[in-house]
Amino acid sequence: MRGSDGNAPSKVGSFLEGFLEKQGIREQVERVGVLEEWSERVGPKIAEVTRARSVAERTLFVEVRSSAWLMELNMMKGRILARLNESRPEAPLEKLVFVLSQDG
């Protein structure tokens, strides 16, 4: 792959970042990274009873194992959202939605 001057090779990461930026999806790709970071950001106790399921626009959907935990996490929503956004200041999540897991 050639650089913008046509001579020097460019790094794939730089090319990909530029492409995503032009397509207007770089921020969304960064937000989706929260799915992999979930356990680390919320800690083992919460991670044990939840599963970060998906990101749509600026909203993270998280499955919760029990209704008791669902209520507890809804009360902690603001703190959890702030913790998740620490690693993505340019592409923050705006909303956190907890849903009761169908797995029981």
PDB file of N, CA and C in Angstrom:
ATOM      1  N   MET A   1       0.846  -1.165   0.000  1.00  0.00           N
ATOM      2  CA  MET A   1       0.000   0.000   0.000  1.00  0.00           C
ATOM      3  C   MET A   1       0.888   1.224   0.000  1.00  0.00           C
ATOM      4  N   ARG A   2       0.590   2.188  -0.829  1.00  0.00           N
ATOM      5  CA  ARG A   2       1.386   3.395  -0.968  1.00  0.00           C
ATOM      6  C   ARG A   2       0.812   4.520  -0.120  1.00  0.00           C
ATOM      7  N   GLY A   3       1.679   5.390   0.314  1.00  0.00           N
ATOM      8  CA  GLY A   3       1.264   6.548   1.091  1.00  0.00           C
ATOM      9  C   GLY A   3       0.584   7.567   0.206  1.00  0.00           C
ATOM     10  N   SER A   4       0.209   8.699   0.784  1.00  0.00           N
ATOM     11  CA  SER A   4      -0.500   9.721   0.036  1.00  0.00           C
ATOM     12  C   SER A   4       0.374  10.368  -1.035  1.00  0.00           C
ATOM     13  N   ASP A   5       1.711  10.294  -0.868  1.00  0.00           N
ATOM     14  CA  ASP A   5       2.597  10.860  -1.884  1.00  0.00           C
ATOM     15  C   ASP A   5       2.868   9.866  -3.007  1.00  0.00           C
ATOM     16  N   GLY A   6       2.365   8.660  -2.896  1.00  0.00           N
ATOM     17  CA  GLY A   6       2.507   7.658  -3.936  1.00  0.00           C
ATOM     18  C   GLY A   6       3.796   6.875  -3.868  1.00  0.00           C
ATOM     19  N   ASN A   7       4.692   7.219  -2.963  1.00  0.00           N
ATOM     20  CA  ASN A   7       5.987   6.556  -2.899  1.00  0.00           C
ATOM     21  C   ASN A   7       6.173   5.706  -1.655  1.00  0.00           C
ATOM     22  N   ALA A   8       6.080   6.303  -0.514  1.00  0.00           N
ATOM     23  CA  ALA A   8       6.371   5.592   0.730  1.00  0.00           C
ATOM     24  C   ALA A   8       5.182   4.741   1.154  1.00  0.00           C
ATOM     25  N   PRO A   9       5.437   3.535   1.643  1.00  0.00           N
ATOM     26  CA  PRO A   9       4.338   2.698   2.136  1.00  0.00           C
ATOM     27  C   PRO A   9       3.720   3.334   3.383  1.00  0.00           C
ATOM     28  N   SER A  10       2.443   3.124   3.573  1.00  0.00           N
ATOM     29  CA  SER A  10       1.780   3.633   4.774  1.00  0.00           C
ATOM     30  C   SER A  10       1.282   2.454   5.600  1.00  0.00           C
ATOM     31  N   LYS A  11       1.095   2.714   6.872  1.00  0.00           N
ATOM     32  CA  LYS A  11       0.642   1.660   7.773  1.00  0.00           C
ATOM     33  C   LYS A  11      -0.845   1.394   7.576  1.00  0.00           C
ATOM     34  N   VAL A  12      -1.212   0.134   7.662  1.00  0.00           N
ATOM     35  CA  VAL A  12      -2.606  -0.263   7.479  1.00  0.00           C
ATOM     36  C   VAL A  12      -3.492   0.415   8.524  1.00  0.00           C
ATOM     37  N   GLY A  13      -3.008   0.507   9.764  1.00  0.00           N
ATOM     38  CA  GLY A  13      -3.787   1.140  10.827  1.00  0.00           C
ATOM     39  C   GLY A  13      -4.134   2.578  10.507  1.00  0.00           C
ATOM     40  N   SER A  14      -3.185   3.323   9.963  1.00  0.00           N
ATOM     41  CA  SER A  14      -3.419   4.717   9.589  1.00  0.00           C
ATOM     42  C   SER A  14      -4.436   4.799   8.457  1.00  0.00           C
ATOM     43  N   PHE A  15      -4.287   3.920   7.496  1.00  0.00           N
ATOM     44  CA  PHE A  15      -5.219   3.882   6.375  1.00  0.00           C
ATOM     45  C   PHE A  15      -6.634   3.568   6.871  1.00  0.00           C
ATOM     46  N   LEU A  16      -6.743   2.549   7.717  1.00  0.00           N
ATOM     47  CA  LEU A  16      -8.045   2.128   8.219  1.00  0.00           C
ATOM     48  C   LEU A  16      -8.701   3.233   9.045  1.00  0.00           C
ATOM     49  N   GLU A  17      -7.926   3.880   9.892  1.00  0.00           N
ATOM     50  CA  GLU A  17      -8.466   4.966  10.710  1.00  0.00           C
ATOM     51  C   GLU A  17      -8.999   6.092   9.820  1.00  0.00           C
ATOM     52  N   GLY A  18      -8.235   6.449   8.788  1.00  0.00           N
ATOM     53  CA  GLY A  18      -8.682   7.477   7.849  1.00  0.00           C
ATOM     54  C   GLY A  18      -9.944   7.069   7.111  1.00  0.00           C
ATOM     55  N   PHE A  19      -9.996   5.817   6.701  1.00  0.00           N
ATOM     56  CA  PHE A  19     -11.175   5.300   6.005  1.00  0.00           C
ATOM     57  C   PHE A  19     -12.412   5.362   6.905  1.00  0.00           C
ATOM     58  N   LEU A  20     -12.266   4.895   8.142  1.00  0.00           N
ATOM     59  CA  LEU A  20     -13.395   4.905   9.074  1.00  0.00           C
ATOM     60  C   LEU A  20     -13.856   6.332   9.353  1.00  0.00           C
ATOM     61  N   GLU A  21     -12.906   7.237   9.485  1.00  0.00           N
ATOM     62  CA  GLU A  21     -13.232   8.647   9.712  1.00  0.00           C
ATOM     63  C   GLU A  21     -14.039   9.199   8.545  1.00  0.00           C
ATOM     64  N   LYS A  22     -13.576   8.925   7.318  1.00  0.00           N
ATOM     65  CA  LYS A  22     -14.275   9.410   6.127  1.00  0.00           C
ATOM     66  C   LYS A  22     -15.683   8.829   6.034  1.00  0.00           C
ATOM     67  N   GLN A  23     -15.840   7.592   6.450  1.00  0.00           N
ATOM     68  CA  GLN A  23     -17.145   6.941   6.398  1.00  0.00           C
ATOM     69  C   GLN A  23     -18.053   7.384   7.546  1.00  0.00           C
ATOM     70  N   GLY A  24     -17.483   8.097   8.511  1.00  0.00           N
ATOM     71  CA  GLY A  24     -18.263   8.580   9.647  1.00  0.00           C
ATOM     72  C   GLY A  24     -18.577   7.511  10.668  1.00  0.00           C
ATOM     73  N   ILE A  25     -17.769   6.441  10.712  1.00  0.00           N
ATOM     74  CA  ILE A  25     -18.071   5.355  11.647  1.00  0.00           C
ATOM     75  C   ILE A  25     -16.961   5.089  12.659  1.00  0.00           C
ATOM     76  N   ARG A  26     -15.903   5.904  12.634  1.00  0.00           N
ATOM     77  CA  ARG A  26     -14.793   5.691  13.565  1.00  0.00           C
ATOM     78  C   ARG A  26     -15.279   5.713  15.014  1.00  0.00           C
ATOM     79  N   GLU A  27     -16.127   6.692  15.357  1.00  0.00           N
ATOM     80  CA  GLU A  27     -16.612   6.795  16.736  1.00  0.00           C
ATOM     81  C   GLU A  27     -17.425   5.568  17.136  1.00  0.00           C
ATOM     82  N   GLN A  28     -18.249   5.072  16.233  1.00  0.00           N
ATOM     83  CA  GLN A  28     -19.057   3.902  16.561  1.00  0.00           C
ATOM     84  C   GLN A  28     -18.178   2.670  16.760  1.00  0.00           C
ATOM     85  N   VAL A  29     -17.133   2.537  15.958  1.00  0.00           N
ATOM     86  CA  VAL A  29     -16.207   1.415  16.119  1.00  0.00           C
ATOM     87  C   VAL A  29     -15.541   1.502  17.493  1.00  0.00           C
ATOM     88  N   GLU A  30     -15.177   2.707  17.907  1.00  0.00           N
ATOM     89  CA  GLU A  30     -14.589   2.884  19.241  1.00  0.00           C
ATOM     90  C   GLU A  30     -15.587   2.504  20.333  1.00  0.00           C
ATOM     91  N   ARG A  31     -16.841   2.898  20.169  1.00  0.00           N
ATOM     92  CA  ARG A  31     -17.866   2.570  21.171  1.00  0.00           C
ATOM     93  C   ARG A  31     -18.051   1.058  21.301  1.00  0.00           C
ATOM     94  N   VAL A  32     -18.033   0.348  20.195  1.00  0.00           N
ATOM     95  CA  VAL A  32     -18.239  -1.097  20.218  1.00  0.00           C
ATOM     96  C   VAL A  32     -17.121  -1.790  21.002  1.00  0.00           C
ATOM     97  N   GLY A  33     -15.972  -1.156  21.105  1.00  0.00           N
ATOM     98  CA  GLY A  33     -14.875  -1.701  21.894  1.00  0.00           C
ATOM     99  C   GLY A  33     -15.241  -1.940  23.350  1.00  0.00           C
ATOM    100  N   VAL A  34     -16.290  -1.288  23.816  1.00  0.00           N
ATOM    101  CA  VAL A  34     -16.723  -1.461  25.207  1.00  0.00           C
ATOM    102  C   VAL A  34     -17.169  -2.901  25.474  1.00  0.00           C
ATOM    103  N   LEU A  35     -17.597  -3.596  24.447  1.00  0.00           N
ATOM    104  CA  LEU A  35     -18.035  -4.985  24.641  1.00  0.00           C
ATOM    105  C   LEU A  35     -16.893  -5.854  25.163  1.00  0.00           C
ATOM    106  N   GLU A  36     -15.692  -5.595  24.672  1.00  0.00           N
ATOM    107  CA  GLU A  36     -14.525  -6.349  25.136  1.00  0.00           C
ATOM    108  C   GLU A  36     -14.018  -5.849  26.485  1.00  0.00           C
ATOM    109  N   GLU A  37     -14.240  -4.576  26.781  1.00  0.00           N
ATOM    110  CA  GLU A  37     -13.734  -3.965  28.012  1.00  0.00           C
ATOM    111  C   GLU A  37     -14.684  -4.117  29.202  1.00  0.00           C
ATOM    112  N   TRP A  38     -15.900  -4.536  28.966  1.00  0.00           N
ATOM    113  CA  TRP A  38     -16.943  -4.542  29.978  1.00  0.00           C
ATOM    114  C   TRP A  38     -16.481  -5.123  31.312  1.00  0.00           C
ATOM    115  N   SER A  39     -16.007  -6.352  31.305  1.00  0.00           N
ATOM    116  CA  SER A  39     -15.614  -7.027  32.552  1.00  0.00           C
ATOM    117  C   SER A  39     -14.540  -6.257  33.304  1.00  0.00           C
ATOM    118  N   GLU A  40     -13.565  -5.760  32.582  1.00  0.00           N
ATOM    119  CA  GLU A  40     -12.472  -5.010  33.193  1.00  0.00           C
ATOM    120  C   GLU A  40     -12.971  -3.693  33.801  1.00  0.00           C
ATOM    121  N   ARG A  41     -13.878  -3.024  33.130  1.00  0.00           N
ATOM    122  CA  ARG A  41     -14.377  -1.716  33.583  1.00  0.00           C
ATOM    123  C   ARG A  41     -15.328  -1.809  34.772  1.00  0.00           C
ATOM    124  N   VAL A  42     -16.144  -2.867  34.830  1.00  0.00           N
ATOM    125  CA  VAL A  42     -17.147  -2.943  35.898  1.00  0.00           C
ATOM    126  C   VAL A  42     -16.701  -3.790  37.081  1.00  0.00           C
ATOM    127  N   GLY A  43     -15.670  -4.573  36.903  1.00  0.00           N
ATOM    128  CA  GLY A  43     -15.182  -5.416  37.989  1.00  0.00           C
ATOM    129  C   GLY A  43     -15.807  -6.799  37.979  1.00  0.00           C
ATOM    130  N   PRO A  44     -15.189  -7.741  38.716  1.00  0.00           N
ATOM    131  CA  PRO A  44     -15.605  -9.143  38.659  1.00  0.00           C
ATOM    132  C   PRO A  44     -16.999  -9.420  39.209  1.00  0.00           C
ATOM    133  N   LYS A  45     -17.409  -8.703  40.238  1.00  0.00           N
ATOM    134  CA  LYS A  45     -18.719  -8.972  40.848  1.00  0.00           C
ATOM    135  C   LYS A  45     -19.860  -8.669  39.866  1.00  0.00           C
ATOM    136  N   ILE A  46     -19.796  -7.513  39.214  1.00  0.00           N
ATOM    137  CA  ILE A  46     -20.836  -7.143  38.248  1.00  0.00           C
ATOM    138  C   ILE A  46     -20.687  -7.975  36.975  1.00  0.00           C
ATOM    139  N   ALA A  47     -19.459  -8.198  36.548  1.00  0.00           N
ATOM    140  CA  ALA A  47     -19.221  -8.975  35.328  1.00  0.00           C
ATOM    141  C   ALA A  47     -19.774 -10.385  35.446  1.00  0.00           C
ATOM    142  N   GLU A  48     -19.777 -10.925  36.655  1.00  0.00           N
ATOM    143  CA  GLU A  48     -20.265 -12.287  36.882  1.00  0.00           C
ATOM    144  C   GLU A  48     -21.763 -12.428  36.607  1.00  0.00           C
ATOM    145  N   VAL A  49     -22.522 -11.338  36.780  1.00  0.00           N
ATOM    146  CA  VAL A  49     -23.980 -11.415  36.632  1.00  0.00           C
ATOM    147  C   VAL A  49     -24.500 -10.639  35.416  1.00  0.00           C
ATOM    148  N   THR A  50     -23.576 -10.189  34.551  1.00  0.00           N
ATOM    149  CA  THR A  50     -23.978  -9.414  33.378  1.00  0.00           C
ATOM    150  C   THR A  50     -23.228  -9.864  32.136  1.00  0.00           C
ATOM    151  N   ARG A  51     -23.733  -9.402  30.997  1.00  0.00           N
ATOM    152  CA  ARG A  51     -23.037  -9.611  29.730  1.00  0.00           C
ATOM    153  C   ARG A  51     -23.343  -8.420  28.823  1.00  0.00           C
ATOM    154  N   ALA A  52     -22.304  -7.675  28.457  1.00  0.00           N
ATOM    155  CA  ALA A  52     -22.479  -6.574  27.519  1.00  0.00           C
ATOM    156  C   ALA A  52     -22.844  -7.194  26.172  1.00  0.00           C
ATOM    157  N   ARG A  53     -24.015  -6.868  25.675  1.00  0.00           N
ATOM    158  CA  ARG A  53     -24.549  -7.557  24.500  1.00  0.00           C
ATOM    159  C   ARG A  53     -24.332  -6.813  23.190  1.00  0.00           C
ATOM    160  N   SER A  54     -24.631  -5.517  23.150  1.00  0.00           N
ATOM    161  CA  SER A  54     -24.514  -4.797  21.888  1.00  0.00           C
ATOM    162  C   SER A  54     -24.468  -3.293  22.113  1.00  0.00           C
ATOM    163  N   VAL A  55     -24.020  -2.602  21.063  1.00  0.00           N
ATOM    164  CA  VAL A  55     -24.012  -1.144  21.061  1.00  0.00           C
ATOM    165  C   VAL A  55     -24.782  -0.701  19.828  1.00  0.00           C
ATOM    166  N   ALA A  56     -25.781   0.136  20.046  1.00  0.00           N
ATOM    167  CA  ALA A  56     -26.552   0.713  18.951  1.00  0.00           C
ATOM    168  C   ALA A  56     -26.482   2.221  19.100  1.00  0.00           C
ATOM    169  N   GLU A  57     -25.922   2.873  18.066  1.00  0.00           N
ATOM    170  CA  GLU A  57     -25.680   4.307  18.140  1.00  0.00           C
ATOM    171  C   GLU A  57     -24.815   4.592  19.364  1.00  0.00           C
ATOM    172  N   ARG A  58     -25.342   5.297  20.343  1.00  0.00           N
ATOM    173  CA  ARG A  58     -24.568   5.653  21.541  1.00  0.00           C
ATOM    174  C   ARG A  58     -25.107   4.968  22.792  1.00  0.00           C
ATOM    175  N   THR A  59     -25.782   3.832  22.582  1.00  0.00           N
ATOM    176  CA  THR A  59     -26.414   3.107  23.685  1.00  0.00           C
ATOM    177  C   THR A  59     -25.808   1.709  23.807  1.00  0.00           C
ATOM    178  N   LEU A  60     -25.442   1.351  25.043  1.00  0.00           N
ATOM    179  CA  LEU A  60     -24.931   0.006  25.339  1.00  0.00           C
ATOM    180  C   LEU A  60     -26.050  -0.801  25.981  1.00  0.00           C
ATOM    181  N   PHE A  61     -26.290  -1.999  25.465  1.00  0.00           N
ATOM    182  CA  PHE A  61     -27.286  -2.913  26.013  1.00  0.00           C
ATOM    183  C   PHE A  61     -26.575  -4.021  26.768  1.00  0.00           C
ATOM    184  N   VAL A  62     -27.001  -4.242  28.000  1.00  0.00           N
ATOM    185  CA  VAL A  62     -26.355  -5.213  28.876  1.00  0.00           C
ATOM    186  C   VAL A  62     -27.404  -6.164  29.445  1.00  0.00           C
ATOM    187  N   GLU A  63     -27.157  -7.477  29.303  1.00  0.00           N
ATOM    188  CA  GLU A  63     -28.038  -8.486  29.902  1.00  0.00           C
ATOM    189  C   GLU A  63     -27.658  -8.672  31.359  1.00  0.00           C
ATOM    190  N   VAL A  64     -28.672  -8.820  32.193  1.00  0.00           N
ATOM    191  CA  VAL A  64     -28.468  -8.998  33.627  1.00  0.00           C
ATOM    192  C   VAL A  64     -29.161 -10.287  34.055  1.00  0.00           C
ATOM    193  N   ARG A  65     -28.500 -11.051  34.912  1.00  0.00           N
ATOM    194  CA  ARG A  65     -28.958 -12.384  35.283  1.00  0.00           C
ATOM    195  C   ARG A  65     -30.230 -12.409  36.142  1.00  0.00           C
ATOM    196  N   SER A  66     -30.446 -11.405  37.007  1.00  0.00           N
ATOM    197  CA  SER A  66     -31.619 -11.442  37.892  1.00  0.00           C
ATOM    198  C   SER A  66     -32.256 -10.062  38.009  1.00  0.00           C
ATOM    199  N   SER A  67     -33.527 -10.053  38.383  1.00  0.00           N
ATOM    200  CA  SER A  67     -34.233  -8.774  38.533  1.00  0.00           C
ATOM    201  C   SER A  67     -33.664  -7.960  39.696  1.00  0.00           C
ATOM    202  N   ALA A  68     -33.171  -8.628  40.733  1.00  0.00           N
ATOM    203  CA  ALA A  68     -32.557  -7.902  41.852  1.00  0.00           C
ATOM    204  C   ALA A  68     -31.316  -7.146  41.378  1.00  0.00           C
ATOM    205  N   TRP A  69     -30.492  -7.804  40.598  1.00  0.00           N
ATOM    206  CA  TRP A  69     -29.305  -7.140  40.056  1.00  0.00           C
ATOM    207  C   TRP A  69     -29.706  -6.046  39.065  1.00  0.00           C
ATOM    208  N   LEU A  70     -30.744  -6.268  38.305  1.00  0.00           N
ATOM    209  CA  LEU A  70     -31.222  -5.274  37.351  1.00  0.00           C
ATOM    210  C   LEU A  70     -31.562  -3.975  38.074  1.00  0.00           C
ATOM    211  N   MET A  71     -32.276  -4.075  39.176  1.00  0.00           N
ATOM    212  CA  MET A  71     -32.629  -2.893  39.970  1.00  0.00           C
ATOM    213  C   MET A  71     -31.384  -2.227  40.543  1.00  0.00           C
ATOM    214  N   GLU A  72     -30.490  -3.017  41.090  1.00  0.00           N
ATOM    215  CA  GLU A  72     -29.253  -2.491  41.674  1.00  0.00           C
ATOM    216  C   GLU A  72     -28.420  -1.752  40.628  1.00  0.00           C
ATOM    217  N   LEU A  73     -28.253  -2.359  39.470  1.00  0.00           N
ATOM    218  CA  LEU A  73     -27.436  -1.748  38.422  1.00  0.00           C
ATOM    219  C   LEU A  73     -28.076  -0.482  37.860  1.00  0.00           C
ATOM    220  N   ASN A  74     -29.392  -0.442  37.799  1.00  0.00           N
ATOM    221  CA  ASN A  74     -30.058   0.778  37.340  1.00  0.00           C
ATOM    222  C   ASN A  74     -29.769   1.949  38.275  1.00  0.00           C
ATOM    223  N   MET A  75     -29.617   1.668  39.567  1.00  0.00           N
ATOM    224  CA  MET A  75     -29.273   2.727  40.520  1.00  0.00           C
ATOM    225  C   MET A  75     -27.822   3.172  40.352  1.00  0.00           C
ATOM    226  N   MET A  76     -26.981   2.303  39.825  1.00  0.00           N
ATOM    227  CA  MET A  76     -25.550   2.599  39.646  1.00  0.00           C
ATOM    228  C   MET A  76     -25.226   3.058  38.220  1.00  0.00           C
ATOM    229  N   LYS A  77     -26.225   3.206  37.399  1.00  0.00           N
ATOM    230  CA  LYS A  77     -26.051   3.459  35.969  1.00  0.00           C
ATOM    231  C   LYS A  77     -25.120   4.641  35.669  1.00  0.00           C
ATOM    232  N   GLY A  78     -25.287   5.746  36.348  1.00  0.00           N
ATOM    233  CA  GLY A  78     -24.473   6.930  36.100  1.00  0.00           C
ATOM    234  C   GLY A  78     -22.995   6.679  36.349  1.00  0.00           C
ATOM    235  N   ARG A  79     -22.682   6.019  37.462  1.00  0.00           N
ATOM    236  CA  ARG A  79     -21.280   5.724  37.786  1.00  0.00           C
ATOM    237  C   ARG A  79     -20.673   4.744  36.793  1.00  0.00           C
ATOM    238  N   ILE A  80     -21.449   3.739  36.411  1.00  0.00           N
ATOM    239  CA  ILE A  80     -20.949   2.744  35.452  1.00  0.00           C
ATOM    240  C   ILE A  80     -20.684   3.408  34.100  1.00  0.00           C
ATOM    241  N   LEU A  81     -21.598   4.246  33.657  1.00  0.00           N
ATOM    242  CA  LEU A  81     -21.437   4.928  32.382  1.00  0.00           C
ATOM    243  C   LEU A  81     -20.189   5.822  32.392  1.00  0.00           C
ATOM    244  N   ALA A  82     -19.968   6.519  33.481  1.00  0.00           N
ATOM    245  CA  ALA A  82     -18.771   7.367  33.597  1.00  0.00           C
ATOM    246  C   ALA A  82     -17.498   6.518  33.515  1.00  0.00           C
ATOM    247  N   ARG A  83     -17.501   5.381  34.180  1.00  0.00           N
ATOM    248  CA  ARG A  83     -16.345   4.477  34.158  1.00  0.00           C
ATOM    249  C   ARG A  83     -16.078   3.949  32.740  1.00  0.00           C
ATOM    250  N   LEU A  84     -17.138   3.617  32.032  1.00  0.00           N
ATOM    251  CA  LEU A  84     -16.994   3.109  30.667  1.00  0.00           C
ATOM    252  C   LEU A  84     -16.462   4.184  29.722  1.00  0.00           C
ATOM    253  N   ASN A  85     -16.848   5.420  29.952  1.00  0.00           N
ATOM    254  CA  ASN A  85     -16.450   6.506  29.060  1.00  0.00           C
ATOM    255  C   ASN A  85     -15.047   7.041  29.330  1.00  0.00           C
ATOM    256  N   GLU A  86     -14.431   6.629  30.429  1.00  0.00           N
ATOM    257  CA  GLU A  86     -13.068   7.078  30.721  1.00  0.00           C
ATOM    258  C   GLU A  86     -12.106   6.747  29.589  1.00  0.00           C
ATOM    259  N   SER A  87     -12.314   5.638  28.929  1.00  0.00           N
ATOM    260  CA  SER A  87     -11.387   5.200  27.880  1.00  0.00           C
ATOM    261  C   SER A  87     -11.794   5.657  26.484  1.00  0.00           C
ATOM    262  N   ARG A  88     -12.863   6.415  26.357  1.00  0.00           N
ATOM    263  CA  ARG A  88     -13.302   6.852  25.024  1.00  0.00           C
ATOM    264  C   ARG A  88     -13.853   8.284  25.050  1.00  0.00           C
ATOM    265  N   PRO A  89     -13.018   9.255  25.408  1.00  0.00           N
ATOM    266  CA  PRO A  89     -13.502  10.637  25.499  1.00  0.00           C
ATOM    267  C   PRO A  89     -13.996  11.209  24.168  1.00  0.00           C
ATOM    268  N   GLU A  90     -13.488  10.704  23.053  1.00  0.00           N
ATOM    269  CA  GLU A  90     -13.909  11.213  21.750  1.00  0.00           C
ATOM    270  C   GLU A  90     -15.137  10.489  21.197  1.00  0.00           C
ATOM    271  N   ALA A  91     -15.508   9.374  21.816  1.00  0.00           N
ATOM    272  CA  ALA A  91     -16.656   8.602  21.337  1.00  0.00           C
ATOM    273  C   ALA A  91     -17.425   8.038  22.536  1.00  0.00           C
ATOM    274  N   PRO A  92     -17.977   8.913  23.368  1.00  0.00           N
ATOM    275  CA  PRO A  92     -18.643   8.433  24.581  1.00  0.00           C
ATOM    276  C   PRO A  92     -19.977   7.744  24.310  1.00  0.00           C
ATOM    277  N   LEU A  93     -20.302   6.864  25.221  1.00  0.00           N
ATOM    278  CA  LEU A  93     -21.635   6.262  25.239  1.00  0.00           C
ATOM    279  C   LEU A  93     -22.533   7.251  25.972  1.00  0.00           C
ATOM    280  N   GLU A  94     -23.779   7.349  25.558  1.00  0.00           N
ATOM    281  CA  GLU A  94     -24.697   8.284  26.202  1.00  0.00           C
ATOM    282  C   GLU A  94     -25.736   7.593  27.070  1.00  0.00           C
ATOM    283  N   LYS A  95     -25.974   6.321  26.767  1.00  0.00           N
ATOM    284  CA  LYS A  95     -27.053   5.629  27.468  1.00  0.00           C
ATOM    285  C   LYS A  95     -26.650   4.189  27.750  1.00  0.00           C
ATOM    286  N   LEU A  96     -27.095   3.693  28.875  1.00  0.00           N
ATOM    287  CA  LEU A  96     -26.839   2.321  29.299  1.00  0.00           C
ATOM    288  C   LEU A  96     -28.192   1.692  29.596  1.00  0.00           C
ATOM    289  N   VAL A  97     -28.502   0.598  28.913  1.00  0.00           N
ATOM    290  CA  VAL A  97     -29.791  -0.071  29.086  1.00  0.00           C
ATOM    291  C   VAL A  97     -29.551  -1.481  29.596  1.00  0.00           C
ATOM    292  N   PHE A  98     -30.109  -1.781  30.763  1.00  0.00           N
ATOM    293  CA  PHE A  98     -30.014  -3.119  31.337  1.00  0.00           C
ATOM    294  C   PHE A  98     -31.291  -3.874  31.017  1.00  0.00           C
ATOM    295  N   VAL A  99     -31.152  -5.105  30.546  1.00  0.00           N
ATOM    296  CA  VAL A  99     -32.302  -5.953  30.244  1.00  0.00           C
ATOM    297  C   VAL A  99     -32.131  -7.286  30.953  1.00  0.00           C
ATOM    298  N   LEU A 100     -33.224  -7.851  31.392  1.00  0.00           N
ATOM    299  CA  LEU A 100     -33.187  -9.139  32.082  1.00  0.00           C
ATOM    300  C   LEU A 100     -32.847 -10.250  31.089  1.00  0.00           C
ATOM    301  N   SER A 101     -31.876 -11.047  31.422  1.00  0.00           N
ATOM    302  CA  SER A 101     -31.442 -12.140  30.561  1.00  0.00           C
ATOM    303  C   SER A 101     -32.542 -13.175  30.419  1.00  0.00           C
ATOM    304  N   GLN A 102     -32.693 -13.690  29.219  1.00  0.00           N
ATOM    305  CA  GLN A 102     -33.675 -14.741  28.961  1.00  0.00           C
ATOM    306  C   GLN A 102     -33.156 -16.113  29.355  1.00  0.00           C
ATOM    307  N   ASP A 103     -31.839 -16.194  29.662  1.00  0.00           N
ATOM    308  CA  ASP A 103     -31.211 -17.469  30.018  1.00  0.00           C
ATOM    309  C   ASP A 103     -31.505 -17.877  31.466  1.00  0.00           C
ATOM    310  N   GLY A 104     -32.026 -16.929  32.211  1.00  0.00           N
ATOM    311  CA  GLY A 104     -32.335 -17.274  33.598  1.00  0.00           C
ATOM    312  C   GLY A 104     -31.243 -16.969  34.451  1.00  0.00           C
TER     313      GLY A 104
END
